[in-house]
Amino acid sequence: MQMNGTRQLAATPEQAWQALNDPEMLKACIPGCDRFEAVTDLQYAMGVSIRIGPVAAKFSGTVTLADVVPP
């Protein structure tokens, strides 16, 4: 997945960077996320539970950060 675009935040670049690299903050921002744990500095294990009507599903996977350039 590639993400791009811009958003204006009421935070300094350092505050935004810290929030974007906080597993608990990321977990709170992803709907249905029940697990978001650091495996290494650049990799996270995650789990998501979703229910649509009578159908429920659980997914797990890893998130790997690449081309990381801190402010």
Protein backbone atom coordinates (compact mmCIF):
# COMPACT_ATOMS: atom_id res chain seq x y z
CA MET A 1 0.00 0.00 0.00
CA GLN A 2 1.24 3.44 -0.79
CA MET A 3 0.02 6.47 1.06
CA ASN A 4 0.47 10.04 -0.08
CA GLY A 5 -1.05 13.46 0.37
CA THR A 6 -0.84 16.22 2.93
CA ARG A 7 -2.67 17.06 6.14
CA GLN A 8 -2.36 20.05 8.47
CA LEU A 9 -1.80 19.02 12.09
CA ALA A 10 -1.97 21.10 15.24
CA ALA A 11 1.37 19.67 16.35
CA THR A 12 5.05 20.18 15.77
CA PRO A 13 6.77 17.84 13.29
CA GLU A 14 8.47 16.13 16.24
CA GLN A 15 5.15 15.58 18.05
CA ALA A 16 3.56 14.19 14.90
CA TRP A 17 6.54 11.90 14.29
CA GLN A 18 6.40 10.60 17.85
CA ALA A 19 2.64 9.89 17.57
CA LEU A 20 3.06 8.12 14.22
CA ASN A 21 5.68 5.86 15.77
CA ASP A 22 3.71 5.05 18.94
CA PRO A 23 2.14 1.56 18.68
CA GLU A 24 -0.70 2.47 21.06
CA MET A 25 -1.55 5.59 19.06
CA LEU A 26 -1.54 3.63 15.81
CA LYS A 27 -3.70 0.91 17.35
CA ALA A 28 -6.24 3.55 18.41
CA CYS A 29 -6.34 5.01 14.87
CA ILE A 30 -7.06 1.74 13.02
CA PRO A 31 -10.71 0.64 13.26
CA GLY A 32 -11.01 -2.88 14.70
CA CYS A 33 -7.33 -3.10 15.59
CA ASP A 34 -6.93 -5.26 18.68
CA ARG A 35 -3.16 -5.77 18.52
CA PHE A 36 -0.32 -3.55 17.31
CA GLU A 37 3.00 -4.56 18.82
CA ALA A 38 6.56 -3.60 17.97
CA VAL A 39 8.63 -6.55 16.74
CA THR A 40 11.65 -4.42 15.79
CA ASP A 41 12.18 -0.68 15.38
CA LEU A 42 10.77 -0.92 11.85
CA GLN A 43 8.32 -3.82 12.08
CA TYR A 44 5.02 -4.33 13.90
CA ALA A 45 2.71 -7.31 14.35
CA MET A 46 -0.96 -6.43 14.16
CA GLY A 47 -4.42 -7.94 14.41
CA VAL A 48 -7.76 -6.56 13.24
CA SER A 49 -11.28 -7.84 13.94
CA ILE A 50 -14.11 -6.77 11.65
CA ARG A 51 -17.83 -7.49 11.76
CA ILE A 52 -20.21 -6.69 8.92
CA GLY A 53 -23.71 -7.81 9.77
CA PRO A 54 -23.63 -11.52 10.66
CA VAL A 55 -20.14 -12.02 9.21
CA ALA A 56 -17.07 -11.58 11.41
CA ALA A 57 -13.45 -11.93 10.41
CA LYS A 58 -10.06 -11.63 12.07
CA PHE A 59 -6.91 -10.71 10.23
CA SER A 60 -3.30 -10.62 11.34
CA GLY A 61 -0.19 -9.43 9.63
CA THR A 62 2.93 -7.36 9.84
CA VAL A 63 3.62 -3.73 9.09
CA THR A 64 7.12 -2.91 7.89
CA LEU A 65 8.28 0.70 7.69
CA ALA A 66 10.58 1.62 4.82
CA ASP A 67 12.35 4.79 3.72
CA VAL A 68 11.97 6.27 7.21
CA VAL A 69 13.20 9.87 7.42
CA PRO A 70 12.57 11.50 10.81
CA PRO A 71 12.06 15.29 11.02
